[in-house]
Amino acid sequence: MKKVKESPDEKGVYWIYCPGCNHNHYIHVTHKNSSNAQWSFNGDYERPTFNPSINIFTSPKEEYKHIPRYVCHFFITNALIQYQTDGTHQYAGRTMEL
């Protein structure tokens, strides 16, 4: 079973399901995303590894001031998602299978 999938809309963009956020996170490997970030991928869809860590957070922009600060920060190594302790959801500090 594939743990990571390539976006059907954009080549070089992969997605993984995050149980902490309850939705997909997109990882750009062939070009930079809108935040100027780019990752490497080992090419293994069943036991993926991406580098560096993926760090998703709410923007400090004025239009998001009403939303509480949100952080989802993790590494993906050999199909394990290693949530970092600076995350704000229930899986912060835990490691689990993708």
PDB file of N, CA and C in Angstrom:
ATOM      1  N   MET A   1       0.836  -1.185   0.000  1.00  0.00           N
ATOM      2  CA  MET A   1       0.000   0.000   0.000  1.00  0.00           C
ATOM      3  C   MET A   1       0.881   1.249   0.000  1.00  0.00           C
ATOM      4  N   LYS A   2       0.573   2.182  -0.863  1.00  0.00           N
ATOM      5  CA  LYS A   2       1.338   3.423  -0.938  1.00  0.00           C
ATOM      6  C   LYS A   2       1.017   4.317   0.252  1.00  0.00           C
ATOM      7  N   LYS A   3       2.065   4.836   0.879  1.00  0.00           N
ATOM      8  CA  LYS A   3       1.915   5.746   2.012  1.00  0.00           C
ATOM      9  C   LYS A   3       1.957   7.204   1.564  1.00  0.00           C
ATOM     10  N   VAL A   4       2.470   7.412   0.357  1.00  0.00           N
ATOM     11  CA  VAL A   4       2.594   8.749  -0.208  1.00  0.00           C
ATOM     12  C   VAL A   4       2.093   8.675  -1.645  1.00  0.00           C
ATOM     13  N   LYS A   5       1.448   9.725  -2.095  1.00  0.00           N
ATOM     14  CA  LYS A   5       0.917   9.748  -3.456  1.00  0.00           C
ATOM     15  C   LYS A   5       1.347  11.028  -4.156  1.00  0.00           C
ATOM     16  N   GLU A   6       1.574  10.907  -5.457  1.00  0.00           N
ATOM     17  CA  GLU A   6       1.905  12.104  -6.232  1.00  0.00           C
ATOM     18  C   GLU A   6       0.612  12.809  -6.607  1.00  0.00           C
ATOM     19  N   SER A   7       0.632  14.111  -6.558  1.00  0.00           N
ATOM     20  CA  SER A   7      -0.533  14.906  -6.922  1.00  0.00           C
ATOM     21  C   SER A   7      -0.894  14.666  -8.381  1.00  0.00           C
ATOM     22  N   PRO A   8      -2.162  14.407  -8.671  1.00  0.00           N
ATOM     23  CA  PRO A   8      -2.546  14.234 -10.069  1.00  0.00           C
ATOM     24  C   PRO A   8      -2.508  15.546 -10.853  1.00  0.00           C
ATOM     25  N   ASP A   9      -2.500  16.663 -10.136  1.00  0.00           N
ATOM     26  CA  ASP A   9      -2.537  17.975 -10.766  1.00  0.00           C
ATOM     27  C   ASP A   9      -1.171  18.606 -10.993  1.00  0.00           C
ATOM     28  N   GLU A  10      -0.173  18.166 -10.226  1.00  0.00           N
ATOM     29  CA  GLU A  10       1.128  18.841 -10.296  1.00  0.00           C
ATOM     30  C   GLU A  10       2.263  17.838 -10.093  1.00  0.00           C
ATOM     31  N   LYS A  11       3.028  17.597 -11.138  1.00  0.00           N
ATOM     32  CA  LYS A  11       4.145  16.659 -11.064  1.00  0.00           C
ATOM     33  C   LYS A  11       5.190  17.145 -10.066  1.00  0.00           C
ATOM     34  N   GLY A  12       5.735  16.212  -9.278  1.00  0.00           N
ATOM     35  CA  GLY A  12       6.751  16.571  -8.299  1.00  0.00           C
ATOM     36  C   GLY A  12       6.205  17.075  -6.985  1.00  0.00           C
ATOM     37  N   VAL A  13       4.876  17.009  -6.827  1.00  0.00           N
ATOM     38  CA  VAL A  13       4.235  17.379  -5.568  1.00  0.00           C
ATOM     39  C   VAL A  13       3.583  16.114  -5.011  1.00  0.00           C
ATOM     40  N   TYR A  14       3.937  15.767  -3.781  1.00  0.00           N
ATOM     41  CA  TYR A  14       3.430  14.553  -3.150  1.00  0.00           C
ATOM     42  C   TYR A  14       2.576  14.926  -1.958  1.00  0.00           C
ATOM     43  N   TRP A  15       1.685  14.032  -1.595  1.00  0.00           N
ATOM     44  CA  TRP A  15       0.877  14.303  -0.419  1.00  0.00           C
ATOM     45  C   TRP A  15       0.835  13.097   0.493  1.00  0.00           C
ATOM     46  N   ILE A  16       0.720  13.419   1.775  1.00  0.00           N
ATOM     47  CA  ILE A  16       0.557  12.405   2.813  1.00  0.00           C
ATOM     48  C   ILE A  16      -0.636  12.834   3.666  1.00  0.00           C
ATOM     49  N   TYR A  17      -1.322  11.850   4.216  1.00  0.00           N
ATOM     50  CA  TYR A  17      -2.424  12.149   5.128  1.00  0.00           C
ATOM     51  C   TYR A  17      -1.864  12.327   6.535  1.00  0.00           C
ATOM     52  N   CYS A  18      -2.237  13.402   7.196  1.00  0.00           N
ATOM     53  CA  CYS A  18      -1.801  13.691   8.559  1.00  0.00           C
ATOM     54  C   CYS A  18      -2.974  13.453   9.515  1.00  0.00           C
ATOM     55  N   PRO A  19      -2.886  12.430  10.380  1.00  0.00           N
ATOM     56  CA  PRO A  19      -3.984  12.178  11.315  1.00  0.00           C
ATOM     57  C   PRO A  19      -4.148  13.285  12.355  1.00  0.00           C
ATOM     58  N   GLY A  20      -3.086  13.997  12.665  1.00  0.00           N
ATOM     59  CA  GLY A  20      -3.185  15.091  13.624  1.00  0.00           C
ATOM     60  C   GLY A  20      -4.004  16.259  13.097  1.00  0.00           C
ATOM     61  N   CYS A  21      -3.842  16.558  11.827  1.00  0.00           N
ATOM     62  CA  CYS A  21      -4.573  17.663  11.197  1.00  0.00           C
ATOM     63  C   CYS A  21      -5.863  17.188  10.527  1.00  0.00           C
ATOM     64  N   ASN A  22      -5.961  15.863  10.332  1.00  0.00           N
ATOM     65  CA  ASN A  22      -7.114  15.249   9.684  1.00  0.00           C
ATOM     66  C   ASN A  22      -7.293  15.714   8.229  1.00  0.00           C
ATOM     67  N   HIS A  23      -6.183  15.940   7.551  1.00  0.00           N
ATOM     68  CA  HIS A  23      -6.208  16.254   6.116  1.00  0.00           C
ATOM     69  C   HIS A  23      -4.827  16.023   5.522  1.00  0.00           C
ATOM     70  N   ASN A  24      -4.696  16.242   4.233  1.00  0.00           N
ATOM     71  CA  ASN A  24      -3.436  16.007   3.524  1.00  0.00           C
ATOM     72  C   ASN A  24      -2.489  17.194   3.646  1.00  0.00           C
ATOM     73  N   HIS A  25      -1.185  16.878   3.657  1.00  0.00           N
ATOM     74  CA  HIS A  25      -0.140  17.890   3.553  1.00  0.00           C
ATOM     75  C   HIS A  25       0.602  17.633   2.247  1.00  0.00           C
ATOM     76  N   TYR A  26       0.898  18.699   1.533  1.00  0.00           N
ATOM     77  CA  TYR A  26       1.558  18.610   0.229  1.00  0.00           C
ATOM     78  C   TYR A  26       3.038  18.926   0.370  1.00  0.00           C
ATOM     79  N   ILE A  27       3.869  18.109  -0.294  1.00  0.00           N
ATOM     80  CA  ILE A  27       5.315  18.214  -0.175  1.00  0.00           C
ATOM     81  C   ILE A  27       5.903  18.380  -1.574  1.00  0.00           C
ATOM     82  N   HIS A  28       6.544  19.504  -1.828  1.00  0.00           N
ATOM     83  CA  HIS A  28       7.123  19.818  -3.137  1.00  0.00           C
ATOM     84  C   HIS A  28       8.564  19.316  -3.213  1.00  0.00           C
ATOM     85  N   VAL A  29       8.861  18.492  -4.221  1.00  0.00           N
ATOM     86  CA  VAL A  29      10.228  17.973  -4.334  1.00  0.00           C
ATOM     87  C   VAL A  29      10.959  18.428  -5.595  1.00  0.00           C
ATOM     88  N   THR A  30      10.260  18.811  -6.638  1.00  0.00           N
ATOM     89  CA  THR A  30      10.947  19.242  -7.864  1.00  0.00           C
ATOM     90  C   THR A  30      10.991  20.753  -8.037  1.00  0.00           C
ATOM     91  N   HIS A  31      10.228  21.455  -7.235  1.00  0.00           N
ATOM     92  CA  HIS A  31      10.213  22.921  -7.282  1.00  0.00           C
ATOM     93  C   HIS A  31       9.736  23.446  -5.933  1.00  0.00           C
ATOM     94  N   LYS A  32       9.962  24.718  -5.678  1.00  0.00           N
ATOM     95  CA  LYS A  32       9.604  25.325  -4.399  1.00  0.00           C
ATOM     96  C   LYS A  32       8.108  25.625  -4.321  1.00  0.00           C
ATOM     97  N   ASN A  33       7.576  25.543  -3.108  1.00  0.00           N
ATOM     98  CA  ASN A  33       6.172  25.884  -2.904  1.00  0.00           C
ATOM     99  C   ASN A  33       6.031  27.397  -2.700  1.00  0.00           C
ATOM    100  N   SER A  34       4.838  27.844  -2.353  1.00  0.00           N
ATOM    101  CA  SER A  34       4.594  29.283  -2.211  1.00  0.00           C
ATOM    102  C   SER A  34       5.353  29.898  -1.036  1.00  0.00           C
ATOM    103  N   SER A  35       5.827  29.069  -0.119  1.00  0.00           N
ATOM    104  CA  SER A  35       6.632  29.557   1.009  1.00  0.00           C
ATOM    105  C   SER A  35       8.126  29.427   0.741  1.00  0.00           C
ATOM    106  N   ASN A  36       8.475  29.102  -0.509  1.00  0.00           N
ATOM    107  CA  ASN A  36       9.866  28.967  -0.936  1.00  0.00           C
ATOM    108  C   ASN A  36      10.557  27.740  -0.321  1.00  0.00           C
ATOM    109  N   ALA A  37       9.780  26.701   0.009  1.00  0.00           N
ATOM    110  CA  ALA A  37      10.323  25.476   0.604  1.00  0.00           C
ATOM    111  C   ALA A  37      10.318  24.343  -0.422  1.00  0.00           C
ATOM    112  N   GLN A  38      11.289  23.458  -0.294  1.00  0.00           N
ATOM    113  CA  GLN A  38      11.417  22.308  -1.183  1.00  0.00           C
ATOM    114  C   GLN A  38      12.080  21.173  -0.413  1.00  0.00           C
ATOM    115  N   TRP A  39      11.679  19.924  -0.697  1.00  0.00           N
ATOM    116  CA  TRP A  39      12.171  18.763   0.030  1.00  0.00           C
ATOM    117  C   TRP A  39      12.783  17.738  -0.918  1.00  0.00           C
ATOM    118  N   SER A  40      13.576  16.842  -0.351  1.00  0.00           N
ATOM    119  CA  SER A  40      14.057  15.684  -1.100  1.00  0.00           C
ATOM    120  C   SER A  40      13.155  14.504  -0.744  1.00  0.00           C
ATOM    121  N   PHE A  41      13.073  13.523  -1.645  1.00  0.00           N
ATOM    122  CA  PHE A  41      12.233  12.342  -1.464  1.00  0.00           C
ATOM    123  C   PHE A  41      13.038  11.136  -1.916  1.00  0.00           C
ATOM    124  N   ASN A  42      13.017  10.065  -1.137  1.00  0.00           N
ATOM    125  CA  ASN A  42      13.795   8.874  -1.478  1.00  0.00           C
ATOM    126  C   ASN A  42      13.179   8.049  -2.602  1.00  0.00           C
ATOM    127  N   GLY A  43      11.991   8.404  -3.076  1.00  0.00           N
ATOM    128  CA  GLY A  43      11.351   7.723  -4.199  1.00  0.00           C
ATOM    129  C   GLY A  43      10.608   6.454  -3.826  1.00  0.00           C
ATOM    130  N   ASP A  44      10.588   6.092  -2.564  1.00  0.00           N
ATOM    131  CA  ASP A  44       9.917   4.877  -2.103  1.00  0.00           C
ATOM    132  C   ASP A  44       8.512   5.226  -1.615  1.00  0.00           C
ATOM    133  N   TYR A  45       7.502   4.804  -2.362  1.00  0.00           N
ATOM    134  CA  TYR A  45       6.125   5.158  -2.027  1.00  0.00           C
ATOM    135  C   TYR A  45       5.588   4.387  -0.824  1.00  0.00           C
ATOM    136  N   GLU A  46       6.183   3.255  -0.513  1.00  0.00           N
ATOM    137  CA  GLU A  46       5.729   2.457   0.628  1.00  0.00           C
ATOM    138  C   GLU A  46       6.474   2.795   1.919  1.00  0.00           C
ATOM    139  N   ARG A  47       7.751   3.181   1.808  1.00  0.00           N
ATOM    140  CA  ARG A  47       8.561   3.549   2.973  1.00  0.00           C
ATOM    141  C   ARG A  47       9.243   4.902   2.710  1.00  0.00           C
ATOM    142  N   PRO A  48       8.433   5.950   2.522  1.00  0.00           N
ATOM    143  CA  PRO A  48       8.987   7.245   2.127  1.00  0.00           C
ATOM    144  C   PRO A  48       9.815   7.925   3.220  1.00  0.00           C
ATOM    145  N   THR A  49      10.796   8.680   2.743  1.00  0.00           N
ATOM    146  CA  THR A  49      11.572   9.580   3.583  1.00  0.00           C
ATOM    147  C   THR A  49      11.645  10.915   2.854  1.00  0.00           C
ATOM    148  N   PHE A  50      11.321  11.982   3.561  1.00  0.00           N
ATOM    149  CA  PHE A  50      11.432  13.339   3.035  1.00  0.00           C
ATOM    150  C   PHE A  50      12.374  14.118   3.943  1.00  0.00           C
ATOM    151  N   ASN A  51      13.148  15.011   3.352  1.00  0.00           N
ATOM    152  CA  ASN A  51      14.037  15.889   4.119  1.00  0.00           C
ATOM    153  C   ASN A  51      13.978  17.282   3.547  1.00  0.00           C
ATOM    154  N   PRO A  52      14.085  18.316   4.353  1.00  0.00           N
ATOM    155  CA  PRO A  52      14.142  18.309   5.801  1.00  0.00           C
ATOM    156  C   PRO A  52      12.753  18.099   6.411  1.00  0.00           C
ATOM    157  N   SER A  53      12.561  18.513   7.651  1.00  0.00           N
ATOM    158  CA  SER A  53      11.263  18.360   8.312  1.00  0.00           C
ATOM    159  C   SER A  53      10.205  19.203   7.593  1.00  0.00           C
ATOM    160  N   ILE A  54       8.960  18.829   7.798  1.00  0.00           N
ATOM    161  CA  ILE A  54       7.812  19.580   7.269  1.00  0.00           C
ATOM    162  C   ILE A  54       7.247  20.360   8.455  1.00  0.00           C
ATOM    163  N   ASN A  55       7.098  21.668   8.275  1.00  0.00           N
ATOM    164  CA  ASN A  55       6.636  22.536   9.356  1.00  0.00           C
ATOM    165  C   ASN A  55       5.513  23.410   8.818  1.00  0.00           C
ATOM    166  N   ILE A  56       4.301  23.139   9.269  1.00  0.00           N
ATOM    167  CA  ILE A  56       3.109  23.851   8.791  1.00  0.00           C
ATOM    168  C   ILE A  56       2.559  24.660   9.956  1.00  0.00           C
ATOM    169  N   PHE A  57       2.245  25.912   9.700  1.00  0.00           N
ATOM    170  CA  PHE A  57       1.736  26.757  10.777  1.00  0.00           C
ATOM    171  C   PHE A  57       0.836  27.824  10.203  1.00  0.00           C
ATOM    172  N   THR A  58      -0.024  28.365  11.064  1.00  0.00           N
ATOM    173  CA  THR A  58      -0.877  29.465  10.622  1.00  0.00           C
ATOM    174  C   THR A  58      -0.013  30.693  10.422  1.00  0.00           C
ATOM    175  N   SER A  59      -0.414  31.464   9.485  1.00  0.00           N
ATOM    176  CA  SER A  59       0.331  32.664   9.129  1.00  0.00           C
ATOM    177  C   SER A  59       0.089  33.776  10.136  1.00  0.00           C
ATOM    178  N   PRO A  60       1.101  34.594  10.402  1.00  0.00           N
ATOM    179  CA  PRO A  60       0.885  35.743  11.286  1.00  0.00           C
ATOM    180  C   PRO A  60       0.191  36.909  10.578  1.00  0.00           C
ATOM    181  N   LYS A  61      -0.241  36.708   9.332  1.00  0.00           N
ATOM    182  CA  LYS A  61      -0.878  37.792   8.580  1.00  0.00           C
ATOM    183  C   LYS A  61      -2.155  38.274   9.278  1.00  0.00           C
ATOM    184  N   GLU A  62      -2.476  39.494   9.061  1.00  0.00           N
ATOM    185  CA  GLU A  62      -3.617  40.139   9.725  1.00  0.00           C
ATOM    186  C   GLU A  62      -4.921  39.374   9.519  1.00  0.00           C
ATOM    187  N   GLU A  63      -5.154  38.832   8.332  1.00  0.00           N
ATOM    188  CA  GLU A  63      -6.428  38.153   8.072  1.00  0.00           C
ATOM    189  C   GLU A  63      -6.588  36.847   8.855  1.00  0.00           C
ATOM    190  N   TYR A  64      -5.517  36.368   9.489  1.00  0.00           N
ATOM    191  CA  TYR A  64      -5.600  35.133  10.278  1.00  0.00           C
ATOM    192  C   TYR A  64      -5.507  35.385  11.785  1.00  0.00           C
ATOM    193  N   LYS A  65      -5.577  36.634  12.211  1.00  0.00           N
ATOM    194  CA  LYS A  65      -5.438  36.958  13.632  1.00  0.00           C
ATOM    195  C   LYS A  65      -6.525  36.301  14.491  1.00  0.00           C
ATOM    196  N   HIS A  66      -7.675  35.997  13.908  1.00  0.00           N
ATOM    197  CA  HIS A  66      -8.782  35.385  14.659  1.00  0.00           C
ATOM    198  C   HIS A  66      -8.585  33.884  14.872  1.00  0.00           C
ATOM    199  N   ILE A  67      -7.595  33.278  14.194  1.00  0.00           N
ATOM    200  CA  ILE A  67      -7.344  31.843  14.298  1.00  0.00           C
ATOM    201  C   ILE A  67      -6.238  31.605  15.327  1.00  0.00           C
ATOM    202  N   PRO A  68      -6.460  30.692  16.274  1.00  0.00           N
ATOM    203  CA  PRO A  68      -5.386  30.403  17.236  1.00  0.00           C
ATOM    204  C   PRO A  68      -4.140  29.888  16.521  1.00  0.00           C
ATOM    205  N   ARG A  69      -2.983  30.182  17.060  1.00  0.00           N
ATOM    206  CA  ARG A  69      -1.716  29.726  16.476  1.00  0.00           C
ATOM    207  C   ARG A  69      -1.751  28.206  16.340  1.00  0.00           C
ATOM    208  N   TYR A  70      -1.414  27.690  15.175  1.00  0.00           N
ATOM    209  CA  TYR A  70      -1.447  26.263  14.901  1.00  0.00           C
ATOM    210  C   TYR A  70      -0.121  25.830  14.295  1.00  0.00           C
ATOM    211  N   VAL A  71       0.461  24.752  14.804  1.00  0.00           N
ATOM    212  CA  VAL A  71       1.726  24.236  14.282  1.00  0.00           C
ATOM    213  C   VAL A  71       1.616  22.725  14.109  1.00  0.00           C
ATOM    214  N   CYS A  72       2.026  22.231  12.942  1.00  0.00           N
ATOM    215  CA  CYS A  72       2.184  20.802  12.692  1.00  0.00           C
ATOM    216  C   CYS A  72       3.598  20.642  12.138  1.00  0.00           C
ATOM    217  N   HIS A  73       4.481  20.076  12.944  1.00  0.00           N
ATOM    218  CA  HIS A  73       5.897  19.976  12.585  1.00  0.00           C
ATOM    219  C   HIS A  73       6.315  18.519  12.722  1.00  0.00           C
ATOM    220  N   PHE A  74       6.863  17.944  11.637  1.00  0.00           N
ATOM    221  CA  PHE A  74       7.204  16.522  11.669  1.00  0.00           C
ATOM    222  C   PHE A  74       8.289  16.175  10.660  1.00  0.00           C
ATOM    223  N   PHE A  75       8.929  15.032  10.902  1.00  0.00           N
ATOM    224  CA  PHE A  75       9.832  14.391   9.961  1.00  0.00           C
ATOM    225  C   PHE A  75       9.133  13.155   9.437  1.00  0.00           C
ATOM    226  N   ILE A  76       9.417  12.775   8.195  1.00  0.00           N
ATOM    227  CA  ILE A  76       8.963  11.492   7.657  1.00  0.00           C
ATOM    228  C   ILE A  76      10.209  10.702   7.294  1.00  0.00           C
ATOM    229  N   THR A  77      10.394   9.574   7.988  1.00  0.00           N
ATOM    230  CA  THR A  77      11.554   8.722   7.779  1.00  0.00           C
ATOM    231  C   THR A  77      11.103   7.263   7.738  1.00  0.00           C
ATOM    232  N   ASN A  78      11.355   6.590   6.614  1.00  0.00           N
ATOM    233  CA  ASN A  78      10.991   5.177   6.455  1.00  0.00           C
ATOM    234  C   ASN A  78       9.539   4.899   6.836  1.00  0.00           C
ATOM    235  N   ALA A  79       8.627   5.712   6.354  1.00  0.00           N
ATOM    236  CA  ALA A  79       7.179   5.590   6.562  1.00  0.00           C
ATOM    237  C   ALA A  79       6.737   5.853   7.996  1.00  0.00           C
ATOM    238  N   LEU A  80       7.610   6.443   8.795  1.00  0.00           N
ATOM    239  CA  LEU A  80       7.223   6.861  10.143  1.00  0.00           C
ATOM    240  C   LEU A  80       7.115   8.380  10.158  1.00  0.00           C
ATOM    241  N   ILE A  81       6.062   8.864  10.746  1.00  0.00           N
ATOM    242  CA  ILE A  81       5.894  10.300  10.906  1.00  0.00           C
ATOM    243  C   ILE A  81       6.262  10.621  12.353  1.00  0.00           C
ATOM    244  N   GLN A  82       7.273  11.447  12.502  1.00  0.00           N
ATOM    245  CA  GLN A  82       7.810  11.791  13.821  1.00  0.00           C
ATOM    246  C   GLN A  82       7.412  13.230  14.131  1.00  0.00           C
ATOM    247  N   TYR A  83       6.316  13.367  14.876  1.00  0.00           N
ATOM    248  CA  TYR A  83       5.829  14.698  15.228  1.00  0.00           C
ATOM    249  C   TYR A  83       6.753  15.337  16.253  1.00  0.00           C
ATOM    250  N   GLN A  84       7.090  16.577  16.031  1.00  0.00           N
ATOM    251  CA  GLN A  84       7.982  17.304  16.925  1.00  0.00           C
ATOM    252  C   GLN A  84       7.188  17.912  18.088  1.00  0.00           C
ATOM    253  N   THR A  85       7.877  18.197  19.176  1.00  0.00           N
ATOM    254  CA  THR A  85       7.203  18.667  20.390  1.00  0.00           C
ATOM    255  C   THR A  85       6.678  20.098  20.292  1.00  0.00           C
ATOM    256  N   ASP A  86       7.074  20.842  19.255  1.00  0.00           N
ATOM    257  CA  ASP A  86       6.552  22.205  19.110  1.00  0.00           C
ATOM    258  C   ASP A  86       5.200  22.241  18.414  1.00  0.00           C
ATOM    259  N   GLY A  87       4.678  21.073  18.017  1.00  0.00           N
ATOM    260  CA  GLY A  87       3.362  21.010  17.386  1.00  0.00           C
ATOM    261  C   GLY A  87       2.255  21.297  18.385  1.00  0.00           C
ATOM    262  N   THR A  88       1.101  21.685  17.856  1.00  0.00           N
ATOM    263  CA  THR A  88      -0.013  22.059  18.735  1.00  0.00           C
ATOM    264  C   THR A  88      -1.164  21.060  18.712  1.00  0.00           C
ATOM    265  N   HIS A  89      -1.056  19.966  17.969  1.00  0.00           N
ATOM    266  CA  HIS A  89      -2.143  18.986  18.014  1.00  0.00           C
ATOM    267  C   HIS A  89      -1.796  17.797  18.905  1.00  0.00           C
ATOM    268  N   GLN A  90      -2.711  16.859  19.045  1.00  0.00           N
ATOM    269  CA  GLN A  90      -2.592  15.784  20.035  1.00  0.00           C
ATOM    270  C   GLN A  90      -1.445  14.812  19.779  1.00  0.00           C
ATOM    271  N   TYR A  91      -0.833  14.815  18.605  1.00  0.00           N
ATOM    272  CA  TYR A  91       0.254  13.889  18.311  1.00  0.00           C
ATOM    273  C   TYR A  91       1.646  14.495  18.512  1.00  0.00           C
ATOM    274  N   ALA A  92       1.722  15.710  18.980  1.00  0.00           N
ATOM    275  CA  ALA A  92       3.023  16.346  19.210  1.00  0.00           C
ATOM    276  C   ALA A  92       3.886  15.471  20.106  1.00  0.00           C
ATOM    277  N   GLY A  93       5.127  15.219  19.676  1.00  0.00           N
ATOM    278  CA  GLY A  93       6.054  14.411  20.442  1.00  0.00           C
ATOM    279  C   GLY A  93       5.929  12.905  20.210  1.00  0.00           C
ATOM    280  N   ARG A  94       4.984  12.487  19.375  1.00  0.00           N
ATOM    281  CA  ARG A  94       4.781  11.049  19.131  1.00  0.00           C
ATOM    282  C   ARG A  94       5.320  10.640  17.762  1.00  0.00           C
ATOM    283  N   THR A  95       5.618   9.351  17.614  1.00  0.00           N
ATOM    284  CA  THR A  95       6.013   8.774  16.340  1.00  0.00           C
ATOM    285  C   THR A  95       4.996   7.699  16.003  1.00  0.00           C
ATOM    286  N   MET A  96       4.539   7.675  14.737  1.00  0.00           N
ATOM    287  CA  MET A  96       3.555   6.691  14.304  1.00  0.00           C
ATOM    288  C   MET A  96       3.722   6.385  12.830  1.00  0.00           C
ATOM    289  N   GLU A  97       3.141   5.294  12.382  1.00  0.00           N
ATOM    290  CA  GLU A  97       3.181   4.955  10.967  1.00  0.00           C
ATOM    291  C   GLU A  97       2.315   5.907  10.165  1.00  0.00           C
ATOM    292  N   LEU A  98       2.756   6.190   8.952  1.00  0.00           N
ATOM    293  CA  LEU A  98       1.933   6.984   8.038  1.00  0.00           C
ATOM    294  C   LEU A  98       0.667   6.235   7.726  1.00  0.00           C
TER     295      LEU A  98
END
